[in-house]
């Protein structure tokens, strides 16, 4: 799955605006230039995971939401991730994961 930096930038900008934080303030907290932050929000500059994690922490959003639009508040936010994992492992490991998940789900 290729990352769409335009979408990532849009989500970061929305999260920043929702928190009512200016680009200047966020750039200051990150110790980066406003121009760099602006390029990230426009999708014209890539962002590494360390910097993304710092921004998400300041803005109070998850990296998962910024990267793929999924929220941990959503009931099915890991469906595609689980599907990818299960499709790439042996049937024996799938059975083990199923048994573990069944035990965990019965505890709730």
N, C-alpha and C. Protein backbone atom coordinates (compact mmCIF):
# COMPACT_ATOMS: atom_id res chain seq x y z
N UNK A 1 0.85 -1.18 0.00
CA UNK A 1 0.00 0.00 0.00
C UNK A 1 0.90 1.24 0.00
N UNK A 2 0.76 2.06 -1.01
CA UNK A 2 1.54 3.29 -1.09
C UNK A 2 0.86 4.37 -0.25
N UNK A 3 1.68 5.17 0.38
CA UNK A 3 1.14 6.26 1.18
C UNK A 3 0.75 7.42 0.29
N UNK A 4 -0.39 8.02 0.56
CA UNK A 4 -0.84 9.21 -0.16
C UNK A 4 -0.53 10.41 0.74
N UNK A 5 0.56 11.08 0.44
CA UNK A 5 1.00 12.18 1.30
C UNK A 5 0.05 13.38 1.25
N UNK A 6 -0.73 13.51 0.17
CA UNK A 6 -1.73 14.57 0.13
C UNK A 6 -2.82 14.33 1.17
N UNK A 7 -3.29 13.08 1.25
CA UNK A 7 -4.33 12.73 2.23
C UNK A 7 -3.78 12.84 3.65
N UNK A 8 -2.55 12.37 3.85
CA UNK A 8 -1.92 12.48 5.17
C UNK A 8 -1.83 13.95 5.58
N UNK A 9 -1.41 14.79 4.66
CA UNK A 9 -1.31 16.22 4.93
C UNK A 9 -2.65 16.84 5.28
N UNK A 10 -3.68 16.45 4.53
CA UNK A 10 -5.03 16.97 4.80
C UNK A 10 -5.50 16.57 6.20
N UNK A 11 -5.25 15.31 6.57
CA UNK A 11 -5.67 14.85 7.90
C UNK A 11 -4.89 15.57 9.01
N UNK A 12 -3.61 15.79 8.78
CA UNK A 12 -2.81 16.52 9.77
C UNK A 12 -3.31 17.96 9.91
N UNK A 13 -3.59 18.59 8.80
CA UNK A 13 -4.09 19.97 8.83
C UNK A 13 -5.43 20.03 9.56
N UNK A 14 -6.33 19.08 9.26
CA UNK A 14 -7.62 19.06 9.93
C UNK A 14 -7.45 18.86 11.43
N UNK A 15 -6.59 17.95 11.82
CA UNK A 15 -6.34 17.70 13.25
C UNK A 15 -5.77 18.94 13.91
N UNK A 16 -4.86 19.61 13.22
CA UNK A 16 -4.27 20.84 13.77
C UNK A 16 -5.33 21.92 13.94
N UNK A 17 -6.17 22.10 12.92
CA UNK A 17 -7.24 23.09 12.99
C UNK A 17 -8.27 22.75 14.06
N UNK A 18 -8.58 21.45 14.19
CA UNK A 18 -9.52 21.02 15.23
C UNK A 18 -9.01 21.36 16.63
N UNK A 19 -7.69 21.31 16.80
CA UNK A 19 -7.06 21.65 18.09
C UNK A 19 -6.83 23.16 18.23
N UNK A 20 -7.16 23.89 17.15
CA UNK A 20 -6.98 25.34 17.13
C UNK A 20 -5.52 25.74 17.39
N UNK A 21 -4.62 25.00 16.74
CA UNK A 21 -3.18 25.28 16.83
C UNK A 21 -2.74 25.83 15.49
N UNK A 22 -2.02 26.92 15.50
CA UNK A 22 -1.51 27.51 14.26
C UNK A 22 -0.32 26.71 13.75
N UNK A 23 -0.03 26.86 12.47
CA UNK A 23 1.16 26.23 11.91
C UNK A 23 2.39 26.74 12.65
N UNK A 24 2.40 28.03 12.95
CA UNK A 24 3.54 28.62 13.64
C UNK A 24 3.77 27.97 15.00
N UNK A 25 2.71 27.79 15.77
CA UNK A 25 2.82 27.19 17.10
C UNK A 25 3.28 25.72 17.00
N UNK A 26 2.68 24.98 16.08
CA UNK A 26 3.05 23.57 15.92
C UNK A 26 4.50 23.45 15.45
N UNK A 27 4.89 24.27 14.50
CA UNK A 27 6.26 24.25 14.01
C UNK A 27 7.24 24.55 15.15
N UNK A 28 6.87 25.48 15.99
CA UNK A 28 7.72 25.84 17.14
C UNK A 28 7.86 24.65 18.09
N UNK A 29 6.75 23.98 18.36
CA UNK A 29 6.79 22.81 19.27
C UNK A 29 7.61 21.68 18.69
N UNK A 30 7.62 21.56 17.37
CA UNK A 30 8.36 20.48 16.70
C UNK A 30 9.79 20.88 16.38
N UNK A 31 10.10 22.15 16.54
CA UNK A 31 11.40 22.70 16.18
C UNK A 31 11.70 22.49 14.70
N UNK A 32 10.70 22.82 13.86
CA UNK A 32 10.84 22.79 12.41
C UNK A 32 10.37 24.13 11.86
N UNK A 33 10.65 24.38 10.60
CA UNK A 33 10.20 25.64 10.00
C UNK A 33 8.71 25.55 9.65
N UNK A 34 8.08 26.70 9.60
CA UNK A 34 6.68 26.77 9.18
C UNK A 34 6.56 26.28 7.74
N UNK A 35 7.55 26.63 6.92
CA UNK A 35 7.53 26.20 5.52
C UNK A 35 7.54 24.68 5.40
N UNK A 36 8.34 24.00 6.23
CA UNK A 36 8.39 22.54 6.22
C UNK A 36 7.03 21.96 6.62
N UNK A 37 6.44 22.49 7.67
CA UNK A 37 5.14 22.01 8.13
C UNK A 37 4.08 22.25 7.05
N UNK A 38 4.15 23.38 6.41
CA UNK A 38 3.22 23.69 5.33
C UNK A 38 3.35 22.69 4.19
N UNK A 39 4.58 22.34 3.83
CA UNK A 39 4.81 21.36 2.77
C UNK A 39 4.24 19.99 3.15
N UNK A 40 4.36 19.62 4.42
CA UNK A 40 3.79 18.35 4.89
C UNK A 40 2.27 18.39 4.73
N UNK A 41 1.66 19.48 5.16
CA UNK A 41 0.20 19.59 5.08
C UNK A 41 -0.30 19.63 3.64
N UNK A 42 0.50 20.12 2.72
CA UNK A 42 0.12 20.14 1.31
C UNK A 42 0.44 18.82 0.61
N UNK A 43 1.19 17.96 1.28
CA UNK A 43 1.55 16.67 0.70
C UNK A 43 2.74 16.75 -0.23
N UNK A 44 3.43 17.88 -0.24
CA UNK A 44 4.57 18.02 -1.14
C UNK A 44 5.88 17.63 -0.48
N UNK A 45 5.82 17.32 0.81
CA UNK A 45 7.01 16.85 1.52
C UNK A 45 6.63 15.60 2.31
N UNK A 46 7.48 14.60 2.26
CA UNK A 46 7.22 13.36 2.99
C UNK A 46 7.53 13.55 4.46
N UNK A 47 6.92 12.72 5.27
CA UNK A 47 7.11 12.79 6.72
C UNK A 47 7.57 11.43 7.21
N UNK A 48 8.58 11.42 8.08
CA UNK A 48 9.02 10.13 8.61
C UNK A 48 8.16 9.75 9.82
N UNK A 49 8.24 8.50 10.22
CA UNK A 49 7.37 8.02 11.29
C UNK A 49 7.66 8.68 12.64
N UNK A 50 8.92 9.00 12.90
CA UNK A 50 9.26 9.66 14.15
C UNK A 50 8.58 11.03 14.23
N UNK A 51 8.68 11.80 13.16
CA UNK A 51 8.07 13.13 13.13
C UNK A 51 6.55 13.00 13.17
N UNK A 52 6.00 12.03 12.45
CA UNK A 52 4.56 11.81 12.47
C UNK A 52 4.08 11.52 13.89
N UNK A 53 4.82 10.68 14.59
CA UNK A 53 4.46 10.33 15.96
C UNK A 53 4.48 11.57 16.86
N UNK A 54 5.47 12.43 16.67
CA UNK A 54 5.55 13.67 17.47
C UNK A 54 4.34 14.56 17.19
N UNK A 55 3.99 14.72 15.93
CA UNK A 55 2.85 15.56 15.57
C UNK A 55 1.56 14.97 16.14
N UNK A 56 1.38 13.67 15.99
CA UNK A 56 0.17 13.02 16.49
C UNK A 56 0.03 13.18 18.00
N UNK A 57 1.14 13.08 18.71
CA UNK A 57 1.11 13.25 20.16
C UNK A 57 0.65 14.66 20.52
N UNK A 58 1.20 15.66 19.86
CA UNK A 58 0.83 17.05 20.13
C UNK A 58 -0.64 17.30 19.79
N UNK A 59 -1.09 16.73 18.67
CA UNK A 59 -2.46 16.98 18.22
C UNK A 59 -3.49 16.04 18.84
N UNK A 60 -3.02 15.02 19.54
CA UNK A 60 -3.94 14.10 20.20
C UNK A 60 -4.70 13.19 19.25
N UNK A 61 -4.05 12.79 18.16
CA UNK A 61 -4.66 11.86 17.21
C UNK A 61 -3.74 10.65 17.05
N UNK A 62 -4.31 9.57 16.55
CA UNK A 62 -3.50 8.36 16.37
C UNK A 62 -2.81 8.37 15.00
N UNK A 63 -1.68 7.71 14.95
CA UNK A 63 -0.97 7.56 13.69
C UNK A 63 -1.82 6.79 12.69
N UNK A 64 -2.59 5.81 13.20
CA UNK A 64 -3.47 5.03 12.33
C UNK A 64 -4.48 5.89 11.61
N UNK A 65 -5.04 6.85 12.34
CA UNK A 65 -6.02 7.75 11.71
C UNK A 65 -5.34 8.58 10.62
N UNK A 66 -4.18 9.13 10.92
CA UNK A 66 -3.48 9.98 9.96
C UNK A 66 -3.06 9.18 8.73
N UNK A 67 -2.57 7.97 8.93
CA UNK A 67 -2.07 7.17 7.81
C UNK A 67 -3.16 6.53 6.97
N UNK A 68 -4.22 6.04 7.62
CA UNK A 68 -5.23 5.34 6.82
C UNK A 68 -6.67 5.69 7.16
N UNK A 69 -6.86 6.71 7.97
CA UNK A 69 -8.22 7.17 8.26
C UNK A 69 -8.96 6.34 9.29
N UNK A 70 -8.28 5.36 9.87
CA UNK A 70 -8.96 4.51 10.85
C UNK A 70 -8.76 5.08 12.25
N UNK A 71 -9.79 4.97 13.02
CA UNK A 71 -9.75 5.46 14.39
C UNK A 71 -9.90 4.29 15.33
N UNK A 72 -9.16 4.30 16.40
CA UNK A 72 -9.27 3.21 17.37
C UNK A 72 -10.62 3.22 18.06
N UNK A 73 -11.38 4.30 17.89
CA UNK A 73 -12.74 4.35 18.45
C UNK A 73 -13.72 3.56 17.59
N UNK A 74 -13.35 3.31 16.34
CA UNK A 74 -14.20 2.59 15.42
C UNK A 74 -14.13 1.09 15.74
N UNK A 75 -15.27 0.42 15.67
CA UNK A 75 -15.33 -0.99 16.02
C UNK A 75 -14.48 -1.87 15.08
N UNK A 76 -14.33 -1.46 13.83
CA UNK A 76 -13.63 -2.31 12.86
C UNK A 76 -12.35 -1.68 12.33
N UNK A 77 -11.70 -0.87 13.14
CA UNK A 77 -10.54 -0.14 12.66
C UNK A 77 -9.34 -1.01 12.30
N UNK A 78 -9.28 -2.24 12.77
CA UNK A 78 -8.15 -3.12 12.44
C UNK A 78 -8.52 -4.25 11.48
N UNK A 79 -9.70 -4.19 10.92
CA UNK A 79 -10.13 -5.29 10.05
C UNK A 79 -9.15 -5.56 8.92
N UNK A 80 -8.76 -4.53 8.20
CA UNK A 80 -7.87 -4.77 7.06
C UNK A 80 -6.48 -5.22 7.53
N UNK A 81 -6.03 -4.70 8.68
CA UNK A 81 -4.73 -5.10 9.19
C UNK A 81 -4.75 -6.58 9.58
N UNK A 82 -5.81 -7.02 10.27
CA UNK A 82 -5.93 -8.43 10.64
C UNK A 82 -6.02 -9.30 9.39
N UNK A 83 -6.79 -8.85 8.43
CA UNK A 83 -6.94 -9.60 7.20
C UNK A 83 -5.59 -9.78 6.51
N UNK A 84 -4.79 -8.73 6.45
CA UNK A 84 -3.47 -8.82 5.84
C UNK A 84 -2.58 -9.80 6.58
N UNK A 85 -2.61 -9.74 7.90
CA UNK A 85 -1.79 -10.65 8.71
C UNK A 85 -2.22 -12.09 8.46
N UNK A 86 -3.52 -12.34 8.54
CA UNK A 86 -4.02 -13.69 8.39
C UNK A 86 -3.76 -14.27 7.00
N UNK A 87 -3.81 -13.42 6.00
CA UNK A 87 -3.57 -13.89 4.64
C UNK A 87 -2.11 -14.25 4.38
N UNK A 88 -1.22 -13.81 5.25
CA UNK A 88 0.20 -14.02 5.02
C UNK A 88 0.85 -14.99 5.99
N UNK A 89 0.04 -15.76 6.71
CA UNK A 89 0.61 -16.74 7.64
C UNK A 89 0.01 -18.12 7.38
N UNK A 90 0.63 -19.11 7.96
CA UNK A 90 0.17 -20.49 7.76
C UNK A 90 -1.18 -20.73 8.44
N UNK A 91 -1.85 -21.78 8.01
CA UNK A 91 -3.15 -22.11 8.61
C UNK A 91 -3.00 -22.49 10.08
N UNK A 92 -1.85 -23.07 10.45
CA UNK A 92 -1.63 -23.40 11.86
C UNK A 92 -1.59 -22.13 12.71
N UNK A 93 -0.88 -21.12 12.21
CA UNK A 93 -0.81 -19.85 12.96
C UNK A 93 -2.17 -19.15 12.98
N UNK A 94 -2.93 -19.28 11.89
CA UNK A 94 -4.27 -18.70 11.87
C UNK A 94 -5.15 -19.32 12.95
N UNK A 95 -5.05 -20.64 13.10
CA UNK A 95 -5.83 -21.34 14.13
C UNK A 95 -5.42 -20.88 15.52
N UNK A 96 -4.13 -20.69 15.75
CA UNK A 96 -3.65 -20.23 17.04
C UNK A 96 -4.18 -18.83 17.35
N UNK A 97 -4.11 -17.94 16.37
CA UNK A 97 -4.62 -16.58 16.57
C UNK A 97 -6.11 -16.62 16.85
N UNK A 98 -6.85 -17.45 16.14
CA UNK A 98 -8.28 -17.58 16.36
C UNK A 98 -8.58 -18.04 17.79
N UNK A 99 -7.85 -19.05 18.26
CA UNK A 99 -8.06 -19.56 19.61
C UNK A 99 -7.77 -18.48 20.66
N UNK A 100 -6.70 -17.74 20.47
CA UNK A 100 -6.35 -16.67 21.40
C UNK A 100 -7.43 -15.59 21.38
N UNK A 101 -7.86 -15.18 20.20
CA UNK A 101 -8.89 -14.15 20.08
C UNK A 101 -10.19 -14.60 20.72
N UNK A 102 -10.52 -15.87 20.56
CA UNK A 102 -11.76 -16.40 21.14
C UNK A 102 -11.70 -16.34 22.67
N UNK A 103 -10.57 -16.71 23.25
CA UNK A 103 -10.41 -16.65 24.69
C UNK A 103 -10.52 -15.22 25.19
N UNK A 104 -9.86 -14.30 24.49
CA UNK A 104 -9.89 -12.89 24.90
C UNK A 104 -11.30 -12.33 24.78
N UNK A 105 -12.01 -12.66 23.70
CA UNK A 105 -13.34 -12.10 23.51
C UNK A 105 -14.35 -12.65 24.52
N UNK A 106 -14.11 -13.84 25.03
CA UNK A 106 -15.02 -14.43 26.02
C UNK A 106 -14.82 -13.79 27.41
N UNK A 107 -13.70 -13.10 27.61
CA UNK A 107 -13.42 -12.46 28.89
C UNK A 107 -14.21 -11.17 29.08
N UNK A 108 -14.69 -10.60 27.97
CA UNK A 108 -15.36 -9.28 28.06
C UNK A 108 -16.76 -9.40 28.59
